[in-house]
Amino acid sequence: MPLEKEKKNGKIEGKKEKSKSHVIKFYKMKYPNEDISWLENLTEKQYDEIFDMLLNNEDLEVIKRIIGK
């Protein structure tokens, strides 16, 4: 059982890292001079929400407020 749990956790972490990577890449394209440190240590759900808001051209301050940063 521990091996199965490790595999599952690895998949979840991998998916989160992929979401994070996409958000950071898109964020850097859209806001090249903005600090990205606030994008660290978020949940997968938060990364997905940020990505959707970036796609919808939501204001950066609104995104930060919604995410709680």
N, C-alpha and C. Protein backbone atom coordinates (compact mmCIF):
# COMPACT_ATOMS: atom_id res chain seq x y z
N MET A 1 0.80 -1.22 0.00
CA MET A 1 0.00 0.00 0.00
C MET A 1 0.84 1.28 0.00
N PRO A 2 1.91 1.37 0.77
CA PRO A 2 2.67 2.62 0.77
C PRO A 2 3.17 3.01 -0.62
N LEU A 3 3.55 2.04 -1.45
CA LEU A 3 4.02 2.34 -2.79
C LEU A 3 2.93 2.94 -3.65
N GLU A 4 1.71 2.41 -3.54
CA GLU A 4 0.57 2.95 -4.28
C GLU A 4 0.29 4.39 -3.86
N LYS A 5 0.38 4.63 -2.56
CA LYS A 5 0.13 5.98 -2.05
C LYS A 5 1.21 6.94 -2.55
N GLU A 6 2.45 6.50 -2.59
CA GLU A 6 3.54 7.33 -3.10
C GLU A 6 3.33 7.65 -4.58
N LYS A 7 2.89 6.65 -5.35
CA LYS A 7 2.62 6.88 -6.77
C LYS A 7 1.52 7.91 -6.96
N LYS A 8 0.45 7.77 -6.17
CA LYS A 8 -0.68 8.70 -6.26
C LYS A 8 -0.22 10.11 -5.89
N ASN A 9 0.52 10.23 -4.79
CA ASN A 9 1.03 11.54 -4.38
C ASN A 9 1.95 12.12 -5.44
N GLY A 10 2.75 11.26 -6.07
CA GLY A 10 3.65 11.72 -7.13
C GLY A 10 2.89 12.25 -8.32
N LYS A 11 1.80 11.60 -8.69
CA LYS A 11 0.97 12.07 -9.81
C LYS A 11 0.32 13.40 -9.48
N ILE A 12 -0.19 13.52 -8.27
CA ILE A 12 -0.83 14.76 -7.84
C ILE A 12 0.19 15.90 -7.85
N GLU A 13 1.36 15.65 -7.30
CA GLU A 13 2.41 16.68 -7.26
C GLU A 13 2.86 17.04 -8.67
N GLY A 14 2.96 16.04 -9.54
CA GLY A 14 3.35 16.29 -10.93
C GLY A 14 2.34 17.16 -11.65
N LYS A 15 1.07 16.90 -11.42
CA LYS A 15 0.00 17.70 -12.03
C LYS A 15 0.05 19.14 -11.52
N LYS A 16 0.29 19.30 -10.24
CA LYS A 16 0.40 20.63 -9.65
C LYS A 16 1.58 21.38 -10.26
N GLU A 17 2.72 20.70 -10.39
CA GLU A 17 3.90 21.35 -10.97
C GLU A 17 3.67 21.76 -12.42
N LYS A 18 2.92 20.96 -13.16
CA LYS A 18 2.60 21.29 -14.54
C LYS A 18 1.71 22.54 -14.59
N SER A 19 0.70 22.58 -13.71
CA SER A 19 -0.18 23.76 -13.64
C SER A 19 0.63 24.99 -13.27
N LYS A 20 1.50 24.85 -12.29
CA LYS A 20 2.35 25.96 -11.84
C LYS A 20 3.23 26.44 -12.98
N SER A 21 3.83 25.52 -13.70
CA SER A 21 4.71 25.86 -14.81
C SER A 21 3.97 26.65 -15.89
N HIS A 22 2.76 26.21 -16.23
CA HIS A 22 1.96 26.91 -17.24
C HIS A 22 1.60 28.32 -16.79
N VAL A 23 1.19 28.44 -15.53
CA VAL A 23 0.81 29.75 -15.00
C VAL A 23 2.01 30.70 -15.03
N ILE A 24 3.15 30.23 -14.56
CA ILE A 24 4.33 31.09 -14.50
C ILE A 24 4.77 31.50 -15.90
N LYS A 25 4.75 30.57 -16.83
CA LYS A 25 5.15 30.89 -18.20
C LYS A 25 4.22 31.95 -18.80
N PHE A 26 2.92 31.75 -18.66
CA PHE A 26 1.95 32.70 -19.21
C PHE A 26 2.03 34.04 -18.49
N TYR A 27 2.20 33.99 -17.18
CA TYR A 27 2.32 35.21 -16.37
C TYR A 27 3.52 36.04 -16.82
N LYS A 28 4.66 35.37 -17.03
CA LYS A 28 5.88 36.08 -17.46
C LYS A 28 5.71 36.71 -18.83
N MET A 29 4.96 36.05 -19.72
CA MET A 29 4.70 36.63 -21.04
C MET A 29 3.82 37.87 -20.92
N LYS A 30 2.83 37.77 -20.06
CA LYS A 30 1.85 38.84 -19.92
C LYS A 30 2.36 40.01 -19.06
N TYR A 31 3.12 39.69 -18.04
CA TYR A 31 3.65 40.68 -17.10
C TYR A 31 5.15 40.48 -16.92
N PRO A 32 5.95 40.81 -17.94
CA PRO A 32 7.39 40.50 -17.89
C PRO A 32 8.16 41.19 -16.77
N ASN A 33 7.67 42.30 -16.27
CA ASN A 33 8.40 43.05 -15.25
C ASN A 33 7.85 42.86 -13.84
N GLU A 34 6.89 41.97 -13.70
CA GLU A 34 6.27 41.74 -12.39
C GLU A 34 6.97 40.62 -11.63
N ASP A 35 6.97 40.73 -10.32
CA ASP A 35 7.55 39.72 -9.44
C ASP A 35 6.68 38.46 -9.46
N ILE A 36 7.29 37.28 -9.51
CA ILE A 36 6.53 36.04 -9.53
C ILE A 36 6.53 35.31 -8.19
N SER A 37 7.18 35.88 -7.20
CA SER A 37 7.31 35.17 -5.92
C SER A 37 5.96 34.83 -5.30
N TRP A 38 4.94 35.63 -5.56
CA TRP A 38 3.62 35.37 -4.97
C TRP A 38 2.97 34.12 -5.57
N LEU A 39 3.54 33.61 -6.67
CA LEU A 39 3.00 32.41 -7.31
C LEU A 39 3.55 31.11 -6.72
N GLU A 40 4.38 31.23 -5.71
CA GLU A 40 4.95 30.04 -5.07
C GLU A 40 3.99 29.47 -4.04
N ASN A 41 4.06 28.17 -3.86
CA ASN A 41 3.33 27.46 -2.80
C ASN A 41 1.82 27.65 -2.83
N LEU A 42 1.24 27.62 -4.00
CA LEU A 42 -0.21 27.68 -4.13
C LEU A 42 -0.73 26.26 -4.37
N THR A 43 -2.03 26.10 -4.28
CA THR A 43 -2.63 24.80 -4.56
C THR A 43 -2.87 24.66 -6.06
N GLU A 44 -3.09 23.44 -6.49
CA GLU A 44 -3.39 23.20 -7.91
C GLU A 44 -4.64 24.00 -8.33
N LYS A 45 -5.62 24.03 -7.44
CA LYS A 45 -6.86 24.77 -7.73
C LYS A 45 -6.57 26.26 -7.92
N GLN A 46 -5.70 26.82 -7.08
CA GLN A 46 -5.34 28.23 -7.22
C GLN A 46 -4.62 28.48 -8.55
N TYR A 47 -3.70 27.58 -8.93
CA TYR A 47 -3.01 27.74 -10.21
C TYR A 47 -4.01 27.69 -11.37
N ASP A 48 -4.97 26.78 -11.29
CA ASP A 48 -5.99 26.69 -12.35
C ASP A 48 -6.83 27.96 -12.41
N GLU A 49 -7.19 28.50 -11.25
CA GLU A 49 -7.98 29.74 -11.21
C GLU A 49 -7.18 30.90 -11.79
N ILE A 50 -5.92 31.00 -11.44
CA ILE A 50 -5.07 32.07 -11.96
C ILE A 50 -4.96 31.95 -13.47
N PHE A 51 -4.74 30.74 -13.96
CA PHE A 51 -4.60 30.54 -15.40
C PHE A 51 -5.86 31.00 -16.12
N ASP A 52 -7.03 30.62 -15.61
CA ASP A 52 -8.29 31.04 -16.22
C ASP A 52 -8.43 32.56 -16.20
N MET A 53 -8.08 33.17 -15.09
CA MET A 53 -8.20 34.63 -14.99
C MET A 53 -7.23 35.33 -15.94
N LEU A 54 -6.03 34.79 -16.08
CA LEU A 54 -5.07 35.37 -17.03
C LEU A 54 -5.60 35.26 -18.46
N LEU A 55 -6.18 34.12 -18.79
CA LEU A 55 -6.75 33.95 -20.13
C LEU A 55 -7.88 34.94 -20.39
N ASN A 56 -8.61 35.27 -19.34
CA ASN A 56 -9.74 36.20 -19.47
C ASN A 56 -9.35 37.66 -19.25
N ASN A 57 -8.04 37.92 -19.25
CA ASN A 57 -7.51 39.28 -19.10
C ASN A 57 -7.98 39.98 -17.83
N GLU A 58 -8.13 39.21 -16.77
CA GLU A 58 -8.51 39.80 -15.48
C GLU A 58 -7.36 40.69 -15.00
N ASP A 59 -7.68 41.77 -14.34
CA ASP A 59 -6.68 42.69 -13.81
C ASP A 59 -5.81 41.98 -12.78
N LEU A 60 -4.52 42.26 -12.84
CA LEU A 60 -3.56 41.59 -11.96
C LEU A 60 -3.90 41.80 -10.48
N GLU A 61 -4.29 42.98 -10.09
CA GLU A 61 -4.63 43.23 -8.69
C GLU A 61 -5.86 42.44 -8.26
N VAL A 62 -6.81 42.26 -9.18
CA VAL A 62 -7.99 41.45 -8.88
C VAL A 62 -7.58 39.99 -8.68
N ILE A 63 -6.71 39.49 -9.53
CA ILE A 63 -6.23 38.11 -9.39
C ILE A 63 -5.57 37.91 -8.05
N LYS A 64 -4.67 38.82 -7.67
CA LYS A 64 -3.97 38.70 -6.40
C LYS A 64 -4.94 38.75 -5.23
N ARG A 65 -5.93 39.62 -5.32
CA ARG A 65 -6.91 39.74 -4.24
C ARG A 65 -7.73 38.46 -4.09
N ILE A 66 -8.16 37.91 -5.21
CA ILE A 66 -8.95 36.68 -5.18
C ILE A 66 -8.15 35.52 -4.61
N ILE A 67 -6.88 35.44 -4.98
CA ILE A 67 -6.02 34.35 -4.51
C ILE A 67 -5.58 34.60 -3.07
N GLY A 68 -5.67 35.84 -2.61
CA GLY A 68 -5.31 36.15 -1.23
C GLY A 68 -3.86 36.55 -1.05
N LYS A 69 -3.28 37.14 -2.07
CA LYS A 69 -1.87 37.57 -2.01
C LYS A 69 -1.75 39.07 -2.03
